[in-house]
C-alpha atoms as a PDB file:
ATOM      1  CA  MET A   1      53.095  -7.802 -18.317  1.00  0.00           C
ATOM      2  CA  LYS A   2      52.587 -11.552 -18.012  1.00  0.00           C
ATOM      3  CA  ALA A   3      51.257 -11.177 -14.483  1.00  0.00           C
ATOM      4  CA  GLN A   4      48.796  -8.540 -15.685  1.00  0.00           C
ATOM      5  CA  LYS A   5      47.462 -10.848 -18.406  1.00  0.00           C
ATOM      6  CA  ARG A   6      47.066 -13.659 -15.887  1.00  0.00           C
ATOM      7  CA  SER A   7      45.128 -11.338 -13.581  1.00  0.00           C
ATOM      8  CA  THR A   8      42.611 -10.280 -16.236  1.00  0.00           C
ATOM      9  CA  GLN A   9      41.914 -13.905 -17.033  1.00  0.00           C
ATOM     10  CA  ILE A  10      41.305 -14.858 -13.406  1.00  0.00           C
ATOM     11  CA  TYR A  11      39.274 -11.849 -12.291  1.00  0.00           C
ATOM     12  CA  ALA A  12      36.247 -11.065 -14.449  1.00  0.00           C
ATOM     13  CA  PRO A  13      35.129  -7.399 -14.447  1.00  0.00           C
ATOM     14  CA  PRO A  14      32.251  -6.744 -12.039  1.00  0.00           C
ATOM     15  CA  GLU A  15      28.752  -6.497 -13.444  1.00  0.00           C
ATOM     16  CA  PRO A  16      27.490  -2.903 -13.672  1.00  0.00           C
ATOM     17  CA  ASP A  17      25.255  -1.736 -10.857  1.00  0.00           C
ATOM     18  CA  VAL A  18      22.207  -0.401 -12.649  1.00  0.00           C
ATOM     19  CA  GLY A  19      20.503   1.057  -9.606  1.00  0.00           C
ATOM     20  CA  ARG A  20      22.710   1.681  -6.595  1.00  0.00           C
ATOM     21  CA  ASP A  21      20.631   3.420  -3.884  1.00  0.00           C
ATOM     22  CA  ALA A  22      17.499   3.395  -6.070  1.00  0.00           C
ATOM     23  CA  LEU A  23      14.333   2.029  -4.451  1.00  0.00           C
ATOM     24  CA  PHE A  24      13.041  -1.253  -5.895  1.00  0.00           C
ATOM     25  CA  VAL A  25       9.705  -2.351  -4.427  1.00  0.00           C
ATOM     26  CA  ARG A  26       7.881  -5.686  -4.671  1.00  0.00           C
ATOM     27  CA  HIS A  27       4.169  -4.827  -4.993  1.00  0.00           C
ATOM     28  CA  ARG A  28       1.198  -7.129  -5.656  1.00  0.00           C
ATOM     29  CA  HIS A  29       3.642 -10.060  -5.723  1.00  0.00           C
ATOM     30  CA  ARG A  30       5.595  -8.595  -8.655  1.00  0.00           C
ATOM     31  CA  SER A  31       9.088  -7.101  -8.689  1.00  0.00           C
ATOM     32  CA  PRO A  32      10.733  -4.696 -11.153  1.00  0.00           C
ATOM     33  CA  ARG A  33      12.781  -6.209 -13.988  1.00  0.00           C
ATOM     34  CA  VAL A  34      15.677  -4.156 -15.338  1.00  0.00           C
ATOM     35  CA  SER A  35      18.124  -4.737 -18.186  1.00  0.00           C
ATOM     36  CA  PRO A  36      21.764  -4.896 -17.038  1.00  0.00           C
ATOM     37  CA  SER A  37      22.587  -2.092 -19.485  1.00  0.00           C
ATOM     38  CA  ALA A  38      19.979   0.281 -18.018  1.00  0.00           C
ATOM     39  CA  TYR A  39      20.652   2.945 -15.386  1.00  0.00           C
ATOM     40  CA  ILE A  40      18.361   3.728 -12.445  1.00  0.00           C
ATOM     41  CA  ALA A  41      19.421   6.829 -10.511  1.00  0.00           C
ATOM     42  CA  PRO A  42      19.591   7.144  -6.746  1.00  0.00           C
ATOM     43  CA  THR A  43      16.233   8.437  -5.404  1.00  0.00           C
ATOM     44  CA  ALA A  44      14.339   6.914  -8.360  1.00  0.00           C
ATOM     45  CA  VAL A  45      11.558   4.457  -7.455  1.00  0.00           C
ATOM     46  CA  LEU A  46      10.464   1.358  -9.376  1.00  0.00           C
ATOM     47  CA  CYS A  47       7.432  -0.351  -7.859  1.00  0.00           C
ATOM     48  CA  GLY A  48       5.750  -3.615  -8.864  1.00  0.00           C
ATOM     49  CA  ASP A  49       5.354  -5.059 -12.353  1.00  0.00           C
ATOM     50  CA  VAL A  50       7.779  -2.675 -14.065  1.00  0.00           C
ATOM     51  CA  THR A  51      10.128  -3.565 -16.935  1.00  0.00           C
ATOM     52  CA  VAL A  52      12.980  -1.283 -18.034  1.00  0.00           C
ATOM     53  CA  GLY A  53      14.634  -2.235 -21.317  1.00  0.00           C
ATOM     54  CA  PRO A  54      18.218  -2.084 -22.604  1.00  0.00           C
ATOM     55  CA  HIS A  55      20.163   1.178 -22.388  1.00  0.00           C
ATOM     56  CA  SER A  56      17.236   3.059 -20.834  1.00  0.00           C
ATOM     57  CA  ARG A  57      17.764   5.650 -18.088  1.00  0.00           C
ATOM     58  CA  VAL A  58      15.563   6.572 -15.142  1.00  0.00           C
ATOM     59  CA  LEU A  59      16.799   9.766 -13.512  1.00  0.00           C
ATOM     60  CA  PHE A  60      16.617  11.319 -10.064  1.00  0.00           C
ATOM     61  CA  GLY A  61      13.245  11.448  -8.353  1.00  0.00           C
ATOM     62  CA  ALA A  62      11.377   9.658 -11.145  1.00  0.00           C
ATOM     63  CA  VAL A  63       8.655   7.221 -10.065  1.00  0.00           C
ATOM     64  CA  ILE A  64       7.592   4.251 -12.186  1.00  0.00           C
ATOM     65  CA  THR A  65       4.802   2.344 -10.484  1.00  0.00           C
ATOM     66  CA  ALA A  66       2.489  -0.499 -11.490  1.00  0.00           C
ATOM     67  CA  GLU A  67      -0.746   0.227  -9.630  1.00  0.00           C
ATOM     68  CA  GLY A  68      -2.712  -2.785 -10.854  1.00  0.00           C
ATOM     69  CA  GLY A  69      -1.426  -2.587 -14.432  1.00  0.00           C
ATOM     70  CA  PRO A  70       2.116  -3.234 -15.718  1.00  0.00           C
ATOM     71  CA  VAL A  71       4.579  -0.637 -16.978  1.00  0.00           C
ATOM     72  CA  GLU A  72       6.828  -1.638 -19.878  1.00  0.00           C
ATOM     73  CA  ILE A  73       9.638   0.665 -20.976  1.00  0.00           C
ATOM     74  CA  GLY A  74      11.519  -0.175 -24.164  1.00  0.00           C
ATOM     75  CA  ALA A  75      15.118   0.341 -25.229  1.00  0.00           C
ATOM     76  CA  HIS A  76      16.977   3.674 -25.231  1.00  0.00           C
ATOM     77  CA  CYS A  77      14.243   5.470 -23.278  1.00  0.00           C
ATOM     78  CA  VAL A  78      14.961   8.327 -20.860  1.00  0.00           C
ATOM     79  CA  ILE A  79      12.645   9.083 -17.933  1.00  0.00           C
ATOM     80  CA  MET A  80      13.850  12.395 -16.558  1.00  0.00           C
ATOM     81  CA  GLU A  81      13.764  13.964 -13.115  1.00  0.00           C
ATOM     82  CA  ASN A  82      10.515  13.774 -11.108  1.00  0.00           C
ATOM     83  CA  ALA A  83       8.483  12.263 -13.947  1.00  0.00           C
ATOM     84  CA  VAL A  84       5.725   9.797 -12.980  1.00  0.00           C
ATOM     85  CA  VAL A  85       4.883   6.781 -15.149  1.00  0.00           C
ATOM     86  CA  ARG A  86       1.970   4.710 -13.843  1.00  0.00           C
ATOM     87  CA  GLY A  87       0.176   1.555 -14.958  1.00  0.00           C
ATOM     88  CA  VAL A  88      -3.420   1.066 -13.779  1.00  0.00           C
ATOM     89  CA  PRO A  89      -6.128  -1.631 -14.034  1.00  0.00           C
ATOM     90  CA  GLN A  90      -7.508  -1.995 -17.581  1.00  0.00           C
ATOM     91  CA  HIS A  91      -4.780   0.365 -18.812  1.00  0.00           C
ATOM     92  CA  PRO A  92      -1.176  -0.866 -18.798  1.00  0.00           C
ATOM     93  CA  THR A  93       1.461   1.691 -19.711  1.00  0.00           C
ATOM     94  CA  ARG A  94       3.837   0.838 -22.535  1.00  0.00           C
ATOM     95  CA  LEU A  95       6.665   2.940 -23.929  1.00  0.00           C
ATOM     96  CA  GLY A  96       8.255   1.781 -27.166  1.00  0.00           C
ATOM     97  CA  ASP A  97      11.890   2.376 -28.026  1.00  0.00           C
ATOM     98  CA  HIS A  98      13.502   5.830 -28.146  1.00  0.00           C
ATOM     99  CA  VAL A  99      11.036   7.737 -25.951  1.00  0.00           C
ATOM    100  CA  LEU A 100      12.130  10.794 -23.969  1.00  0.00           C
ATOM    101  CA  VAL A 101       9.927  11.728 -20.999  1.00  0.00           C
ATOM    102  CA  GLY A 102      10.746  15.185 -19.656  1.00  0.00           C
ATOM    103  CA  PRO A 103      10.927  16.381 -16.046  1.00  0.00           C
ATOM    104  CA  HIS A 104       7.621  16.476 -14.143  1.00  0.00           C
ATOM    105  CA  ALA A 105       5.705  14.791 -16.972  1.00  0.00           C
ATOM    106  CA  ALA A 106       2.910  12.389 -15.936  1.00  0.00           C
ATOM    107  CA  LEU A 107       1.932   9.307 -17.934  1.00  0.00           C
ATOM    108  CA  THR A 108      -0.878   7.066 -16.698  1.00  0.00           C
ATOM    109  CA  GLY A 109      -2.323   3.991 -18.376  1.00  0.00           C
ATOM    110  CA  CYS A 110      -1.217   5.026 -21.866  1.00  0.00           C
ATOM    111  CA  VAL A 111       0.762   3.724 -24.835  1.00  0.00           C
ATOM    112  CA  ILE A 112       3.634   5.711 -26.370  1.00  0.00           C
ATOM    113  CA  GLU A 113       4.489   3.772 -29.501  1.00  0.00           C
ATOM    114  CA  GLY A 114       8.062   5.039 -29.896  1.00  0.00           C
ATOM    115  CA  ASP A 115      10.435   7.679 -31.280  1.00  0.00           C
ATOM    116  CA  SER A 116       8.583  10.338 -29.269  1.00  0.00           C
ATOM    117  CA  ARG A 117       9.280  13.235 -26.936  1.00  0.00           C
ATOM    118  CA  ILE A 118       6.922  13.838 -24.022  1.00  0.00           C
ATOM    119  CA  ALA A 119       8.133  17.238 -22.856  1.00  0.00           C
ATOM    120  CA  THR A 120       8.411  18.845 -19.428  1.00  0.00           C
ATOM    121  CA  GLY A 121       5.131  18.953 -17.506  1.00  0.00           C
ATOM    122  CA  ALA A 122       3.107  17.180 -20.213  1.00  0.00           C
ATOM    123  CA  VAL A 123       0.254  14.871 -19.147  1.00  0.00           C
ATOM    124  CA  VAL A 124      -0.954  11.761 -20.993  1.00  0.00           C
ATOM    125  CA  PHE A 125      -4.070  10.170 -19.501  1.00  0.00           C
ATOM    126  CA  ASN A 126      -5.614   6.701 -19.273  1.00  0.00           C
ATOM    127  CA  GLY A 127      -6.452   4.913 -22.498  1.00  0.00           C
ATOM    128  CA  ALA A 128      -4.502   7.358 -24.662  1.00  0.00           C
ATOM    129  CA  ARG A 129      -2.212   6.278 -27.482  1.00  0.00           C
ATOM    130  CA  VAL A 130       0.590   8.411 -28.936  1.00  0.00           C
ATOM    131  CA  GLY A 131       1.681   7.255 -32.384  1.00  0.00           C
ATOM    132  CA  VAL A 132       5.226   6.756 -33.623  1.00  0.00           C
ATOM    133  CA  GLY A 133       7.158   9.998 -33.918  1.00  0.00           C
ATOM    134  CA  ALA A 134       4.453  12.154 -32.322  1.00  0.00           C
ATOM    135  CA  GLU A 135       5.535  14.870 -29.879  1.00  0.00           C
ATOM    136  CA  ILE A 136       3.744  16.233 -26.829  1.00  0.00           C
ATOM    137  CA  ASP A 137       5.166  19.659 -26.048  1.00  0.00           C
ATOM    138  CA  PHE A 138       5.641  21.486 -22.740  1.00  0.00           C
ATOM    139  CA  HIS A 139       2.591  21.255 -20.429  1.00  0.00           C
ATOM    140  CA  ALA A 140       0.333  19.879 -23.160  1.00  0.00           C
ATOM    141  CA  VAL A 141      -2.501  17.490 -22.192  1.00  0.00           C
ATOM    142  CA  VAL A 142      -3.497  14.315 -24.014  1.00  0.00           C
ATOM    143  CA  HIS A 143      -6.877  13.416 -22.546  1.00  0.00           C
ATOM    144  CA  VAL A 144      -8.366   9.992 -21.842  1.00  0.00           C
ATOM    145  CA  ASN A 145      -9.104   7.643 -24.755  1.00  0.00           C
ATOM    146  CA  THR A 146      -7.362   9.998 -27.189  1.00  0.00           C
ATOM    147  CA  VAL A 147      -5.307   8.842 -30.166  1.00  0.00           C
ATOM    148  CA  VAL A 148      -2.512  11.159 -31.285  1.00  0.00           C
ATOM    149  CA  PRO A 149      -1.625  10.049 -34.836  1.00  0.00           C
ATOM    150  CA  ALA A 150       1.928   9.236 -35.845  1.00  0.00           C
ATOM    151  CA  GLY A 151       3.997  12.351 -36.459  1.00  0.00           C
ATOM    152  CA  MET A 152       1.523  14.816 -34.910  1.00  0.00           C
ATOM    153  CA  ALA A 153       2.841  17.525 -32.581  1.00  0.00           C
ATOM    154  CA  VAL A 154       0.641  18.746 -29.719  1.00  0.00           C
ATOM    155  CA  PRO A 155       1.751  22.375 -29.155  1.00  0.00           C
ATOM    156  CA  MET A 156       2.879  23.878 -25.887  1.00  0.00           C
ATOM    157  CA  GLY A 157       0.000  24.010 -23.392  1.00  0.00           C
ATOM    158  CA  TRP A 158      -2.621  22.746 -25.875  1.00  0.00           C
ATOM    159  CA  PHE A 159      -5.332  20.147 -25.294  1.00  0.00           C
ATOM    160  CA  ALA A 160      -5.603  16.984 -27.424  1.00  0.00           C
ATOM    161  CA  GLY A 161      -8.864  15.034 -27.268  1.00  0.00           C
ATOM    162  CA  GLY A 162     -10.651  12.431 -29.379  1.00  0.00           C
ATOM    163  CA  ASP A 163      -9.849   9.714 -31.894  1.00  0.00           C
ATOM    164  CA  PRO A 164      -8.127  11.038 -33.885  1.00  0.00           C
ATOM    165  CA  ALA A 165      -7.021  13.849 -31.618  1.00  0.00           C
ATOM    166  CA  GLU A 166      -8.438  17.316 -32.094  1.00  0.00           C
ATOM    167  CA  LEU A 167      -5.966  20.000 -31.044  1.00  0.00           C
ATOM    168  CA  ILE A 168      -7.536  22.849 -29.061  1.00  0.00           C
ATOM    169  CA  ALA A 169      -5.806  26.012 -27.857  1.00  0.00           C
ATOM    170  CA  PRO A 170      -5.734  26.459 -24.064  1.00  0.00           C
ATOM    171  CA  GLY A 171      -7.936  29.570 -24.197  1.00  0.00           C
ATOM    172  CA  ASP A 172     -10.818  27.788 -25.969  1.00  0.00           C
ATOM    173  CA  ARG A 173     -12.487  26.507 -22.809  1.00  0.00           C
ATOM    174  CA  GLU A 174     -15.891  25.973 -24.364  1.00  0.00           C
ATOM    175  CA  ARG A 175     -14.516  23.671 -27.048  1.00  0.00           C
ATOM    176  CA  ILE A 176     -12.446  21.757 -24.492  1.00  0.00           C
ATOM    177  CA  ARG A 177     -15.554  21.289 -22.358  1.00  0.00           C
ATOM    178  CA  GLU A 178     -17.471  19.954 -25.362  1.00  0.00           C
ATOM    179  CA  ARG A 179     -14.768  17.376 -26.067  1.00  0.00           C
ATOM    180  CA  LEU A 180     -14.551  16.189 -22.455  1.00  0.00           C
ATOM    181  CA  GLY A 181     -18.042  14.648 -22.288  1.00  0.00           C
ATOM    182  CA  PRO A 182     -17.718  11.922 -24.959  1.00  0.00           C
ATOM    183  CA  LEU A 183     -14.261  10.935 -23.717  1.00  0.00           C
ATOM    184  CA  ASP A 184     -15.750   9.796 -20.362  1.00  0.00           C
ATOM    185  CA  TYR A 185     -13.099  10.917 -17.927  1.00  0.00           C
ATOM    186  CA  PRO A 186     -14.963   9.766 -14.738  1.00  0.00           C
ATOM    187  CA  GLY A 187     -15.674   6.304 -16.106  1.00  0.00           C
ATOM    188  CA  THR A 188     -12.229   5.781 -17.619  1.00  0.00           C
ATOM    189  CA  VAL A 189     -10.117   7.035 -14.719  1.00  0.00           C
ATOM    190  CA  PHE A 190     -12.306   6.336 -11.680  1.00  0.00           C
ATOM    191  CA  GLY A 191     -14.757   3.680 -12.903  1.00  0.00           C
ATOM    192  CA  ILE A 192     -17.823   5.698 -11.931  1.00  0.00           C
ATOM    193  CA  GLY A 193     -20.717   7.297 -13.747  1.00  0.00           C
ATOM    194  CA  GLU A 194     -21.746  10.929 -13.717  1.00  0.00           C
ATOM    195  CA  THR A 195     -22.731  12.058 -10.205  1.00  0.00           C
ATOM    196  CA  ASP A 196     -23.218  15.398  -8.488  1.00  0.00           C
ATOM    197  CA  ALA A 197     -20.708  14.612  -5.718  1.00  0.00           C
ATOM    198  CA  PRO A 198     -18.203  12.023  -6.983  1.00  0.00           C
ATOM    199  CA  MET A 199     -15.263  12.746  -4.707  1.00  0.00           C
ATOM    200  CA  PRO A 200     -16.298  10.655  -1.650  1.00  0.00           C
ATOM    201  CA  ASP A 201     -16.679   7.570  -3.849  1.00  0.00           C
ATOM    202  CA  ILE A 202     -13.424   8.310  -5.704  1.00  0.00           C
ATOM    203  CA  ALA A 203     -11.478   8.838  -2.477  1.00  0.00           C
ATOM    204  CA  ARG A 204     -12.778   5.576  -0.965  1.00  0.00           C
ATOM    205  CA  ARG A 205     -11.860   3.621  -4.104  1.00  0.00           C
ATOM    206  CA  TYR A 206      -8.360   5.045  -4.161  1.00  0.00           C
ATOM    207  CA  ALA A 207      -7.854   4.420  -0.449  1.00  0.00           C
ATOM    208  CA  ARG A 208      -8.889   0.759  -0.786  1.00  0.00           C
ATOM    209  CA  SER A 209      -6.589   0.208  -3.752  1.00  0.00           C
ATOM    210  CA  LEU A 210      -3.589   1.990  -2.278  1.00  0.00           C
ATOM    211  CA  ALA A 211      -3.937   0.070   1.002  1.00  0.00           C
ATOM    212  CA  LEU A 212      -2.192  -2.795  -0.813  1.00  0.00           C
ATOM    213  CA  HIS A 213       1.054  -0.846  -0.437  1.00  0.00           C
ATOM    214  CA  ARG A 214       1.044  -1.854   3.233  1.00  0.00           C
ATOM    215  CA  GLN A 215       2.113  -5.312   2.023  1.00  0.00           C
ATOM    216  CA  ASP A 216       4.989  -4.010  -0.112  1.00  0.00           C
ATOM    217  CA  GLN A 217       8.493  -5.355   0.298  1.00  0.00           C
ATOM    218  CA  ILE A 218      11.518  -3.125  -0.191  1.00  0.00           C
ATOM    219  CA  LEU A 219      14.042  -5.254  -2.051  1.00  0.00           C
ATOM    220  CA  PRO A 220      17.618  -5.464  -0.736  1.00  0.00           C
ATOM    221  CA  PRO A 221      20.343  -3.941  -2.930  1.00  0.00           C
ATOM    222  CA  HIS A 222      21.018  -5.898  -6.147  1.00  0.00           C
ATOM    223  CA  GLN A 223      17.971  -8.113  -5.586  1.00  0.00           C
ATOM    224  CA  HIS A 224      15.752  -6.767  -8.378  1.00  0.00           C
ATOM    225  CA  GLU A 225      15.208  -9.065 -11.341  1.00  0.00           C
ATOM    226  CA  ARG A 226      17.453  -8.655 -14.385  1.00  0.00           C
ATOM    227  CA  LEU A 227      16.370  -8.995 -17.978  1.00  0.00           C
ATOM    228  CA  PRO A 228      18.445 -11.525 -19.912  1.00  0.00           C
ATOM    229  CA  ASP A 229      18.870  -9.606 -23.148  1.00  0.00           C
ATOM    230  CA  GLN A 230      21.398  -6.830 -23.730  1.00  0.00           C
ATOM    231  CA  PRO A 231      21.741  -5.661 -27.343  1.00  0.00           C
ATOM    232  CA  PRO A 232      24.945  -3.794 -28.211  1.00  0.00           C
ATOM    233  CA  GLU A 233      25.064  -0.073 -27.561  1.00  0.00           C
ATOM    234  CA  GLU A 234      24.354   2.145 -30.543  1.00  0.00           C
ATOM    235  CA  ARG A 235      26.419   5.164 -31.612  1.00  0.00           C
ATOM    236  CA  PRO A 236      26.834   7.902 -28.952  1.00  0.00           C
ATOM    237  CA  ALA A 237      23.992  10.377 -28.843  1.00  0.00           C
ATOM    238  CA  ARG A 238      24.311  14.144 -28.985  1.00  0.00           C
ATOM    239  CA  PRO A 239      24.326  15.947 -25.631  1.00  0.00           C
ATOM    240  CA  PRO A 240      20.745  16.380 -24.365  1.00  0.00           C
ATOM    241  CA  GLY A 241      18.880  19.618 -24.916  1.00  0.00           C
ATOM    242  CA  PRO A 242      15.846  20.924 -23.020  1.00  0.00           C
ATOM    243  CA  LEU A 243      12.906  18.571 -22.723  1.00  0.00           C
END
């Protein structure tokens, strides 16, 4: 017994490995920063100016990438399998605390204020803001420059557009088309005006921007930056249900 006590005093427990076999990438001279209490699954990718807060989880196949704008993920967030969270120029992406992002969801250049569920296959576009406690249901779309007020629920497959958001059923194509114009999707996402043939210009812009990945550096294991703070764990959560 005495020898056992001596041993625990001499040998400190190893620090948890938050991202064994995950891919951490230095991009545009910035590296991911991860809280020691977070978990990054094998096959997940964190690229560039990405911050993952305390007790957050990034699951298999998820990609969090800072493509010219930072990505900040708060505490107790869950980014589930194959979700994509992207920061872009003029539109950083910020997730407050207690945000669940379901499998195959896509978030680009948006703000999720906190206490929210972004369900499977949902899409939140550039310049959008989702208020505290709002929910974006399965395969719903929050369009560019849209504000979803606190507590609002965007139903399954519906379209949300405007400030404040107008909810439009997926079959109402005429009304969706009317809302698209004032929101300025081409200017917000691609930085171009209305043209008859925009794709050549869009493709060239994307190709020039993404060429910066040729200078990326894959970080060796355990070489990502660690956040200094680690608040105590809260009470155990209930087992997860469908997202």
